[in-house]
Amino acid sequence: MAEITRDLNQKEGINLPNPYLITLPTITKIINENRNLDLLQDQLDFSNIKTAQQEEATQLEPQVQAPPLRTPMPMAPQPTTNTVDTS
């Protein structure tokens, strides 16, 4: 399996891991949580399953920080220039 992944990555010029290996912990968790169920009578439980992609997205969510609040300062009056017409 590693050889197939390596060959495909080399052919495509990229370096991606085998998706099966990424998903294997989730598959194992589903199997373990539903091990003793009768598939004809019981319901499979997927409620506690969080995929690696969901976990990664949760970890990568940006932490929003509000900027410090500042009280707006009133604008200072601008100096005016009076032009006197001396003609």
N, C-alpha and C. Protein backbone atom coordinates (compact mmCIF):
# COMPACT_ATOMS: atom_id res chain seq x y z
N MET A 1 0.83 -1.18 0.00
CA MET A 1 0.00 0.00 0.00
C MET A 1 0.89 1.26 0.00
N ALA A 2 1.96 1.24 0.77
CA ALA A 2 2.86 2.39 0.82
C ALA A 2 3.50 2.63 -0.55
N GLU A 3 3.78 1.55 -1.25
CA GLU A 3 4.40 1.66 -2.57
C GLU A 3 3.45 2.33 -3.56
N ILE A 4 2.18 1.96 -3.49
CA ILE A 4 1.18 2.56 -4.38
C ILE A 4 1.07 4.06 -4.09
N THR A 5 1.00 4.42 -2.83
CA THR A 5 0.91 5.83 -2.44
C THR A 5 2.14 6.59 -2.91
N ARG A 6 3.31 6.01 -2.68
CA ARG A 6 4.56 6.66 -3.08
C ARG A 6 4.62 6.85 -4.59
N ASP A 7 4.25 5.81 -5.34
CA ASP A 7 4.27 5.90 -6.81
C ASP A 7 3.29 6.96 -7.32
N LEU A 8 2.10 6.99 -6.75
CA LEU A 8 1.10 7.97 -7.17
C LEU A 8 1.56 9.39 -6.85
N ASN A 9 2.11 9.58 -5.66
CA ASN A 9 2.61 10.90 -5.29
C ASN A 9 3.73 11.34 -6.24
N GLN A 10 4.61 10.41 -6.58
CA GLN A 10 5.71 10.73 -7.47
C GLN A 10 5.18 11.07 -8.87
N LYS A 11 4.21 10.30 -9.33
CA LYS A 11 3.63 10.53 -10.65
C LYS A 11 2.93 11.89 -10.73
N GLU A 12 2.22 12.26 -9.65
CA GLU A 12 1.46 13.51 -9.63
C GLU A 12 2.30 14.70 -9.18
N GLY A 13 3.49 14.43 -8.67
CA GLY A 13 4.35 15.51 -8.21
C GLY A 13 3.87 16.17 -6.93
N ILE A 14 3.20 15.39 -6.07
CA ILE A 14 2.70 15.91 -4.81
C ILE A 14 3.11 14.96 -3.69
N ASN A 15 2.79 15.31 -2.46
CA ASN A 15 3.10 14.44 -1.34
C ASN A 15 1.90 14.38 -0.40
N LEU A 16 0.95 13.52 -0.74
CA LEU A 16 -0.25 13.35 0.08
C LEU A 16 -0.20 12.00 0.77
N PRO A 17 -0.62 11.94 2.04
CA PRO A 17 -0.68 10.65 2.72
C PRO A 17 -1.84 9.82 2.19
N ASN A 18 -1.76 8.53 2.43
CA ASN A 18 -2.82 7.61 2.02
C ASN A 18 -4.08 7.93 2.84
N PRO A 19 -5.20 8.23 2.19
CA PRO A 19 -6.41 8.58 2.93
C PRO A 19 -6.92 7.45 3.83
N TYR A 20 -6.65 6.21 3.46
CA TYR A 20 -7.06 5.09 4.31
C TYR A 20 -6.35 5.16 5.66
N LEU A 21 -5.06 5.47 5.64
CA LEU A 21 -4.31 5.55 6.89
C LEU A 21 -4.78 6.72 7.76
N ILE A 22 -5.22 7.78 7.12
CA ILE A 22 -5.76 8.92 7.87
C ILE A 22 -7.09 8.55 8.50
N THR A 23 -7.90 7.79 7.80
CA THR A 23 -9.25 7.45 8.25
C THR A 23 -9.29 6.22 9.16
N LEU A 24 -8.24 5.44 9.18
CA LEU A 24 -8.22 4.19 9.94
C LEU A 24 -8.62 4.35 11.41
N PRO A 25 -8.14 5.35 12.15
CA PRO A 25 -8.59 5.49 13.55
C PRO A 25 -10.10 5.69 13.66
N THR A 26 -10.70 6.43 12.75
CA THR A 26 -12.15 6.65 12.77
C THR A 26 -12.88 5.36 12.46
N ILE A 27 -12.40 4.61 11.49
CA ILE A 27 -13.01 3.32 11.14
C ILE A 27 -12.95 2.37 12.32
N THR A 28 -11.81 2.33 12.98
CA THR A 28 -11.63 1.46 14.14
C THR A 28 -12.58 1.86 15.27
N LYS A 29 -12.75 3.15 15.47
CA LYS A 29 -13.65 3.63 16.52
C LYS A 29 -15.10 3.23 16.21
N ILE A 30 -15.52 3.36 14.97
CA ILE A 30 -16.88 2.96 14.57
C ILE A 30 -17.07 1.47 14.82
N ILE A 31 -16.09 0.67 14.44
CA ILE A 31 -16.19 -0.79 14.65
C ILE A 31 -16.30 -1.10 16.13
N ASN A 32 -15.44 -0.48 16.94
CA ASN A 32 -15.44 -0.78 18.38
C ASN A 32 -16.74 -0.35 19.06
N GLU A 33 -17.30 0.78 18.66
CA GLU A 33 -18.53 1.26 19.30
C GLU A 33 -19.77 0.50 18.84
N ASN A 34 -19.67 -0.22 17.75
CA ASN A 34 -20.83 -0.95 17.22
C ASN A 34 -20.58 -2.46 17.15
N ARG A 35 -19.60 -2.92 17.89
CA ARG A 35 -19.15 -4.31 17.80
C ARG A 35 -20.24 -5.34 18.10
N ASN A 36 -21.02 -5.15 19.13
CA ASN A 36 -21.97 -6.18 19.57
C ASN A 36 -23.41 -5.91 19.12
N LEU A 37 -23.57 -5.17 18.05
CA LEU A 37 -24.92 -4.86 17.58
C LEU A 37 -25.40 -5.89 16.57
N ASP A 38 -26.70 -6.13 16.60
CA ASP A 38 -27.34 -6.96 15.60
C ASP A 38 -27.75 -6.03 14.46
N LEU A 39 -27.15 -6.18 13.31
CA LEU A 39 -27.40 -5.27 12.21
C LEU A 39 -28.83 -5.33 11.68
N LEU A 40 -29.54 -6.40 11.96
CA LEU A 40 -30.93 -6.51 11.52
C LEU A 40 -31.89 -5.82 12.49
N GLN A 41 -31.49 -5.70 13.76
CA GLN A 41 -32.42 -5.19 14.77
C GLN A 41 -31.97 -3.89 15.43
N ASP A 42 -30.69 -3.66 15.54
CA ASP A 42 -30.17 -2.50 16.27
C ASP A 42 -29.80 -1.38 15.30
N GLN A 43 -29.65 -0.21 15.88
CA GLN A 43 -29.22 0.97 15.12
C GLN A 43 -27.72 1.18 15.33
N LEU A 44 -27.02 1.47 14.25
CA LEU A 44 -25.60 1.81 14.37
C LEU A 44 -25.48 3.18 15.01
N ASP A 45 -24.46 3.36 15.82
CA ASP A 45 -24.26 4.63 16.51
C ASP A 45 -23.05 5.35 15.92
N PHE A 46 -23.33 6.47 15.24
CA PHE A 46 -22.27 7.30 14.67
C PHE A 46 -22.21 8.65 15.37
N SER A 47 -22.97 8.81 16.45
CA SER A 47 -23.09 10.13 17.07
C SER A 47 -21.80 10.65 17.68
N ASN A 48 -20.95 9.77 18.18
CA ASN A 48 -19.73 10.22 18.84
C ASN A 48 -18.51 10.18 17.94
N ILE A 49 -18.73 9.98 16.67
CA ILE A 49 -17.61 9.87 15.74
C ILE A 49 -17.26 11.25 15.20
N LYS A 50 -16.01 11.60 15.33
CA LYS A 50 -15.51 12.86 14.78
C LYS A 50 -14.37 12.50 13.84
N THR A 51 -14.52 12.86 12.60
CA THR A 51 -13.49 12.51 11.62
C THR A 51 -12.23 13.34 11.84
N ALA A 52 -11.14 12.87 11.29
CA ALA A 52 -9.88 13.60 11.39
C ALA A 52 -10.02 14.98 10.76
N GLN A 53 -10.78 15.07 9.68
CA GLN A 53 -10.97 16.35 9.00
C GLN A 53 -11.72 17.33 9.90
N GLN A 54 -12.73 16.84 10.63
CA GLN A 54 -13.47 17.70 11.56
C GLN A 54 -12.58 18.14 12.70
N GLU A 55 -11.75 17.22 13.23
CA GLU A 55 -10.85 17.57 14.31
C GLU A 55 -9.82 18.59 13.85
N GLU A 56 -9.31 18.40 12.64
CA GLU A 56 -8.33 19.34 12.10
C GLU A 56 -8.96 20.72 11.93
N ALA A 57 -10.19 20.76 11.43
CA ALA A 57 -10.88 22.04 11.24
C ALA A 57 -11.10 22.72 12.59
N THR A 58 -11.42 21.95 13.62
CA THR A 58 -11.64 22.51 14.94
C THR A 58 -10.35 23.11 15.47
N GLN A 59 -9.24 22.43 15.25
CA GLN A 59 -7.95 22.91 15.73
C GLN A 59 -7.49 24.14 14.96
N LEU A 60 -7.89 24.25 13.71
CA LEU A 60 -7.42 25.35 12.87
C LEU A 60 -8.33 26.56 12.89
N GLU A 61 -9.44 26.49 13.61
CA GLU A 61 -10.34 27.63 13.65
C GLU A 61 -9.62 28.82 14.24
N PRO A 62 -9.71 29.95 13.58
CA PRO A 62 -8.99 31.12 14.09
C PRO A 62 -9.58 31.59 15.41
N GLN A 63 -8.70 32.00 16.27
CA GLN A 63 -9.14 32.54 17.55
C GLN A 63 -9.36 34.04 17.34
N VAL A 64 -10.62 34.44 17.41
CA VAL A 64 -10.96 35.84 17.16
C VAL A 64 -10.73 36.62 18.44
N GLN A 65 -9.93 37.66 18.34
CA GLN A 65 -9.69 38.52 19.48
C GLN A 65 -10.17 39.92 19.12
N ALA A 66 -10.97 40.46 19.98
CA ALA A 66 -11.48 41.81 19.73
C ALA A 66 -10.37 42.81 20.02
N PRO A 67 -10.28 43.85 19.21
CA PRO A 67 -9.27 44.88 19.49
C PRO A 67 -9.65 45.63 20.76
N PRO A 68 -8.67 46.22 21.42
CA PRO A 68 -9.02 46.98 22.63
C PRO A 68 -9.96 48.13 22.27
N LEU A 69 -10.90 48.35 23.15
CA LEU A 69 -11.86 49.42 22.91
C LEU A 69 -11.21 50.78 23.18
N ARG A 70 -11.49 51.70 22.33
CA ARG A 70 -10.97 53.05 22.49
C ARG A 70 -12.13 54.02 22.44
N THR A 71 -12.08 55.00 23.31
CA THR A 71 -13.10 56.04 23.29
C THR A 71 -12.72 57.02 22.19
N PRO A 72 -13.62 57.29 21.28
CA PRO A 72 -13.27 58.22 20.21
C PRO A 72 -12.97 59.61 20.78
N MET A 73 -11.91 60.19 20.29
CA MET A 73 -11.51 61.53 20.72
C MET A 73 -12.23 62.55 19.82
N PRO A 74 -12.68 63.64 20.41
CA PRO A 74 -13.31 64.66 19.56
C PRO A 74 -12.24 65.28 18.65
N MET A 75 -12.67 65.59 17.47
CA MET A 75 -11.72 66.19 16.53
C MET A 75 -11.32 67.57 17.00
N ALA A 76 -10.04 67.84 16.92
CA ALA A 76 -9.55 69.17 17.28
C ALA A 76 -9.95 70.13 16.17
N PRO A 77 -10.31 71.35 16.53
CA PRO A 77 -10.68 72.30 15.49
C PRO A 77 -9.48 72.60 14.59
N GLN A 78 -9.74 72.64 13.33
CA GLN A 78 -8.68 72.92 12.35
C GLN A 78 -8.48 74.42 12.26
N PRO A 79 -7.22 74.86 12.24
CA PRO A 79 -6.99 76.30 12.11
C PRO A 79 -7.46 76.77 10.74
N THR A 80 -8.10 77.88 10.75
CA THR A 80 -8.57 78.44 9.48
C THR A 80 -7.68 79.60 9.09
N THR A 81 -7.50 79.75 7.84
CA THR A 81 -6.69 80.88 7.36
C THR A 81 -7.62 81.87 6.70
N ASN A 82 -7.61 83.04 7.22
CA ASN A 82 -8.43 84.11 6.64
C ASN A 82 -7.59 84.82 5.59
N THR A 83 -8.09 84.83 4.45
CA THR A 83 -7.39 85.58 3.40
C THR A 83 -8.06 86.92 3.24
N VAL A 84 -7.28 87.92 3.29
CA VAL A 84 -7.81 89.27 3.16
C VAL A 84 -7.51 89.74 1.76
N ASP A 85 -8.52 90.19 1.11
CA ASP A 85 -8.34 90.69 -0.26
C ASP A 85 -7.90 92.16 -0.16
N THR A 86 -6.69 92.43 -0.55
CA THR A 86 -6.13 93.80 -0.46
C THR A 86 -6.16 94.52 -1.79
N SER A 87 -6.98 94.19 -2.65
CA SER A 87 -7.00 94.87 -3.94
C SER A 87 -7.84 96.10 -3.97
